Every structure is written in C-alpha cells, then in structure tokens.
C-alpha cells in the first residue's frame, strides 16, 4: 500500500529550487517540489508527499488530521516512514 504523507517544509534548497528539505514525523528528506507552482511553498508550509514528490500544498489542520489517521492505521504508516528513512534523492 502506498500512502500520501504530510510533511512540513523546513527549507527550499537555494541551489536546487525543485527540492525542499521536509520533515515527516521527525525524518528529514529532500523532496521534489517541482510539481507545485514555482515559489508557492516556503518554510513552515505543509505538503502532501507521495513517492518523493510533493503533490499538493495543504494546511496545518489537514496535515494534522492526516497524520492522526495515518498513525492510527499502524503498520502501513510505519512501513512508509521506514521507506522514507531509507530513500534519498541524489543531488547532482
């Protein structure tokens, strides 16, 4: 099962504006934000992430509700967080 997971933008990378450092339940990863409108996200914003890509910008209430739900389903969420920990976007 693949899930869309909320994450909070920590930093938009200045040398790679298509990437942002995102915090997902304490795991920080570079996420591709190229599918979002250029300049539409800043640190503190929340996004919905699937397979390393930001699919949409969401508000903090929606992010919290999604995180609460994901944590309640248990193992599938834990598997997604483990996969996120093990993933990395290669920087050129």
N, C-alpha and C. Protein backbone atom coordinates (compact mmCIF):
# COMPACT_ATOMS: atom_id res chain seq x y z
N UNK A 1 0.85 -1.18 0.00
CA UNK A 1 0.00 0.00 0.00
C UNK A 1 0.89 1.24 0.00
N UNK A 2 0.59 2.19 -0.84
CA UNK A 2 1.33 3.46 -0.86
C UNK A 2 0.41 4.56 -0.35
N UNK A 3 0.97 5.43 0.46
CA UNK A 3 0.20 6.49 1.09
C UNK A 3 0.75 7.86 0.74
N UNK A 4 -0.12 8.85 0.73
CA UNK A 4 0.32 10.23 0.68
C UNK A 4 0.55 10.67 2.11
N UNK A 5 1.71 11.21 2.40
CA UNK A 5 2.07 11.55 3.77
C UNK A 5 2.33 13.05 3.87
N UNK A 6 1.77 13.70 4.89
CA UNK A 6 2.03 15.13 5.09
C UNK A 6 3.44 15.37 5.61
N UNK A 7 4.05 16.44 5.15
CA UNK A 7 5.36 16.85 5.63
C UNK A 7 5.44 18.36 5.69
N UNK A 8 6.28 18.86 6.59
CA UNK A 8 6.44 20.30 6.76
C UNK A 8 7.74 20.75 6.09
N UNK A 9 7.63 21.78 5.26
CA UNK A 9 8.81 22.33 4.59
C UNK A 9 9.73 22.95 5.64
N UNK A 10 10.99 22.52 5.63
CA UNK A 10 12.00 23.08 6.52
C UNK A 10 12.82 24.13 5.78
N UNK A 11 13.13 23.81 4.50
CA UNK A 11 13.99 24.71 3.70
C UNK A 11 13.80 24.38 2.23
N UNK A 12 13.70 25.40 1.39
CA UNK A 12 13.75 25.22 -0.06
C UNK A 12 15.22 25.39 -0.43
N UNK A 13 15.79 24.39 -1.09
CA UNK A 13 17.22 24.40 -1.38
C UNK A 13 17.55 25.46 -2.42
N UNK A 14 18.43 26.38 -2.07
CA UNK A 14 18.74 27.50 -2.96
C UNK A 14 19.44 27.06 -4.24
N UNK A 15 20.26 26.01 -4.15
CA UNK A 15 20.98 25.53 -5.35
C UNK A 15 20.15 24.56 -6.18
N UNK A 16 19.04 24.08 -5.63
CA UNK A 16 18.11 23.17 -6.34
C UNK A 16 16.69 23.58 -6.01
N UNK A 17 16.14 24.63 -6.64
CA UNK A 17 14.82 25.13 -6.27
C UNK A 17 13.68 24.14 -6.51
N UNK A 18 13.97 23.01 -7.16
CA UNK A 18 12.95 21.97 -7.31
C UNK A 18 12.94 21.00 -6.13
N UNK A 19 13.85 21.22 -5.15
CA UNK A 19 13.93 20.37 -3.98
C UNK A 19 13.73 21.18 -2.71
N UNK A 20 13.13 20.53 -1.71
CA UNK A 20 12.97 21.15 -0.40
C UNK A 20 13.28 20.10 0.66
N UNK A 21 13.90 20.54 1.76
CA UNK A 21 14.06 19.68 2.91
C UNK A 21 12.73 19.68 3.64
N UNK A 22 12.22 18.49 3.92
CA UNK A 22 10.90 18.34 4.52
C UNK A 22 11.00 17.43 5.73
N UNK A 23 10.30 17.79 6.78
CA UNK A 23 10.24 16.98 8.00
C UNK A 23 8.94 16.18 7.99
N UNK A 24 9.09 14.86 8.01
CA UNK A 24 7.94 13.96 8.06
C UNK A 24 8.09 13.11 9.32
N UNK A 25 7.34 13.43 10.34
CA UNK A 25 7.39 12.68 11.60
C UNK A 25 8.81 12.52 12.12
N UNK A 26 9.59 13.58 12.04
CA UNK A 26 10.95 13.56 12.55
C UNK A 26 12.00 13.11 11.56
N UNK A 27 11.60 12.63 10.39
CA UNK A 27 12.53 12.22 9.34
C UNK A 27 12.65 13.37 8.36
N UNK A 28 13.88 13.84 8.13
CA UNK A 28 14.10 14.94 7.18
C UNK A 28 14.68 14.38 5.89
N UNK A 29 14.03 14.75 4.78
CA UNK A 29 14.44 14.29 3.46
C UNK A 29 14.26 15.39 2.43
N UNK A 30 15.06 15.32 1.37
CA UNK A 30 14.86 16.19 0.22
C UNK A 30 13.69 15.62 -0.58
N UNK A 31 12.71 16.48 -0.84
CA UNK A 31 11.51 16.10 -1.58
C UNK A 31 11.41 16.98 -2.82
N UNK A 32 11.03 16.39 -3.94
CA UNK A 32 10.88 17.14 -5.18
C UNK A 32 9.59 17.95 -5.12
N UNK A 33 9.72 19.27 -5.22
CA UNK A 33 8.56 20.16 -5.20
C UNK A 33 8.27 20.72 -6.60
N UNK A 34 8.88 20.15 -7.61
CA UNK A 34 8.75 20.64 -8.97
C UNK A 34 7.35 20.57 -9.55
N UNK A 35 6.47 19.74 -8.98
CA UNK A 35 5.09 19.65 -9.47
C UNK A 35 4.22 20.78 -8.95
N UNK A 36 4.70 21.49 -7.94
CA UNK A 36 3.96 22.61 -7.38
C UNK A 36 4.32 23.90 -8.10
N UNK A 37 3.45 24.89 -8.03
CA UNK A 37 3.72 26.18 -8.66
C UNK A 37 5.00 26.77 -8.07
N UNK A 38 5.89 27.23 -8.93
CA UNK A 38 7.18 27.79 -8.50
C UNK A 38 6.96 28.89 -7.46
N UNK A 39 7.67 28.79 -6.35
CA UNK A 39 7.59 29.81 -5.31
C UNK A 39 6.37 29.72 -4.42
N UNK A 40 5.59 28.63 -4.57
CA UNK A 40 4.35 28.54 -3.80
C UNK A 40 4.53 27.99 -2.40
N UNK A 41 5.70 27.42 -2.10
CA UNK A 41 5.93 26.90 -0.75
C UNK A 41 7.14 27.57 -0.10
N UNK A 42 7.01 27.76 1.18
CA UNK A 42 8.07 28.37 1.99
C UNK A 42 8.18 27.56 3.28
N UNK A 43 9.31 27.71 4.00
CA UNK A 43 9.44 27.00 5.27
C UNK A 43 8.22 27.25 6.17
N UNK A 44 7.75 26.16 6.78
CA UNK A 44 6.56 26.22 7.62
C UNK A 44 5.31 25.74 6.93
N UNK A 45 5.32 25.71 5.58
CA UNK A 45 4.18 25.19 4.83
C UNK A 45 4.14 23.67 4.92
N UNK A 46 2.95 23.11 4.74
CA UNK A 46 2.74 21.67 4.72
C UNK A 46 2.41 21.22 3.31
N UNK A 47 2.94 20.03 2.96
CA UNK A 47 2.68 19.45 1.64
C UNK A 47 2.28 17.99 1.80
N UNK A 48 1.63 17.46 0.79
CA UNK A 48 1.29 16.05 0.75
C UNK A 48 2.30 15.37 -0.17
N UNK A 49 2.98 14.34 0.34
CA UNK A 49 4.09 13.69 -0.37
C UNK A 49 3.71 12.27 -0.76
N UNK A 50 4.07 11.91 -1.98
CA UNK A 50 3.92 10.52 -2.45
C UNK A 50 5.14 10.18 -3.29
N UNK A 51 5.79 9.10 -2.98
CA UNK A 51 7.00 8.60 -3.64
C UNK A 51 8.04 9.70 -3.92
N UNK A 52 8.26 10.55 -2.94
CA UNK A 52 9.30 11.56 -3.06
C UNK A 52 8.91 12.85 -3.75
N UNK A 53 7.65 12.97 -4.14
CA UNK A 53 7.17 14.18 -4.82
C UNK A 53 6.08 14.85 -4.00
N UNK A 54 6.14 16.17 -3.94
CA UNK A 54 5.07 16.94 -3.33
C UNK A 54 3.93 17.02 -4.34
N UNK A 55 2.76 16.52 -3.94
CA UNK A 55 1.61 16.52 -4.84
C UNK A 55 0.76 17.76 -4.70
N UNK A 56 0.68 18.28 -3.46
CA UNK A 56 -0.13 19.47 -3.23
C UNK A 56 0.28 20.12 -1.92
N UNK A 57 -0.06 21.39 -1.82
CA UNK A 57 0.12 22.13 -0.58
C UNK A 57 -1.15 21.96 0.23
N UNK A 58 -1.01 21.69 1.54
CA UNK A 58 -2.17 21.51 2.41
C UNK A 58 -2.01 22.41 3.62
N UNK A 59 -3.12 22.64 4.33
CA UNK A 59 -2.99 23.48 5.53
C UNK A 59 -2.64 22.61 6.74
N UNK A 60 -2.24 23.27 7.82
CA UNK A 60 -1.75 22.56 9.00
C UNK A 60 -2.83 21.67 9.62
N UNK A 61 -4.09 22.12 9.62
CA UNK A 61 -5.18 21.30 10.17
C UNK A 61 -5.36 20.01 9.38
N UNK A 62 -5.31 20.13 8.06
CA UNK A 62 -5.43 18.95 7.20
C UNK A 62 -4.25 18.01 7.42
N UNK A 63 -3.05 18.58 7.57
CA UNK A 63 -1.86 17.76 7.82
C UNK A 63 -1.99 17.01 9.14
N UNK A 64 -2.44 17.69 10.19
CA UNK A 64 -2.59 17.03 11.49
C UNK A 64 -3.63 15.93 11.42
N UNK A 65 -4.76 16.18 10.77
CA UNK A 65 -5.80 15.16 10.64
C UNK A 65 -5.26 13.94 9.89
N UNK A 66 -4.51 14.18 8.81
CA UNK A 66 -3.95 13.07 8.03
C UNK A 66 -2.93 12.29 8.85
N UNK A 67 -2.06 13.00 9.59
CA UNK A 67 -1.07 12.32 10.43
C UNK A 67 -1.74 11.50 11.52
N UNK A 68 -2.77 12.05 12.15
CA UNK A 68 -3.50 11.31 13.18
C UNK A 68 -4.09 10.02 12.60
N UNK A 69 -4.70 10.13 11.40
CA UNK A 69 -5.27 8.96 10.76
C UNK A 69 -4.18 7.94 10.41
N UNK A 70 -3.10 8.42 9.81
CA UNK A 70 -2.03 7.51 9.39
C UNK A 70 -1.43 6.78 10.59
N UNK A 71 -1.23 7.50 11.69
CA UNK A 71 -0.69 6.86 12.88
C UNK A 71 -1.66 5.82 13.43
N UNK A 72 -2.95 6.03 13.24
CA UNK A 72 -3.95 5.09 13.75
C UNK A 72 -3.99 3.79 12.95
N UNK A 73 -3.53 3.79 11.70
CA UNK A 73 -3.58 2.56 10.91
C UNK A 73 -2.37 1.66 11.14
N UNK A 74 -1.38 2.18 11.87
CA UNK A 74 -0.30 1.32 12.34
C UNK A 74 0.74 0.95 11.32
N UNK A 75 0.82 -0.34 10.99
CA UNK A 75 1.95 -0.89 10.25
C UNK A 75 2.15 -0.26 8.87
N UNK A 76 1.10 0.01 8.14
CA UNK A 76 1.27 0.61 6.81
C UNK A 76 1.97 1.95 6.92
N UNK A 77 1.60 2.73 7.93
CA UNK A 77 2.25 4.03 8.15
C UNK A 77 3.71 3.83 8.55
N UNK A 78 3.96 2.90 9.45
CA UNK A 78 5.34 2.62 9.88
C UNK A 78 6.19 2.18 8.69
N UNK A 79 5.61 1.39 7.79
CA UNK A 79 6.34 0.94 6.60
C UNK A 79 6.69 2.13 5.70
N UNK A 80 5.76 3.08 5.55
CA UNK A 80 6.02 4.26 4.73
C UNK A 80 7.12 5.12 5.34
N UNK A 81 7.09 5.31 6.65
CA UNK A 81 8.13 6.10 7.32
C UNK A 81 9.49 5.41 7.19
N UNK A 82 9.52 4.08 7.33
CA UNK A 82 10.76 3.33 7.16
C UNK A 82 11.30 3.49 5.73
N UNK A 83 10.40 3.42 4.73
CA UNK A 83 10.82 3.60 3.34
C UNK A 83 11.35 5.01 3.12
N UNK A 84 10.72 6.00 3.75
CA UNK A 84 11.18 7.38 3.63
C UNK A 84 12.57 7.54 4.24
N UNK A 85 12.79 6.92 5.40
CA UNK A 85 14.10 6.99 6.05
C UNK A 85 15.19 6.44 5.14
N UNK A 86 14.86 5.37 4.40
CA UNK A 86 15.84 4.70 3.55
C UNK A 86 16.00 5.32 2.17
N UNK A 87 15.14 6.26 1.82
CA UNK A 87 15.19 6.87 0.49
C UNK A 87 16.03 8.13 0.49
N UNK A 88 16.47 8.50 -0.69
CA UNK A 88 17.23 9.73 -0.83
C UNK A 88 17.21 10.16 -2.28
N UNK A 89 16.98 11.44 -2.52
CA UNK A 89 17.09 11.99 -3.86
C UNK A 89 18.56 12.35 -4.07
N UNK A 90 19.13 11.82 -5.12
CA UNK A 90 20.53 12.11 -5.42
C UNK A 90 20.67 13.52 -5.93
N UNK A 91 21.56 14.29 -5.32
CA UNK A 91 21.83 15.64 -5.80
C UNK A 91 22.92 15.58 -6.83
N UNK A 92 22.77 16.37 -7.88
CA UNK A 92 23.75 16.37 -8.98
C UNK A 92 24.92 17.24 -8.66
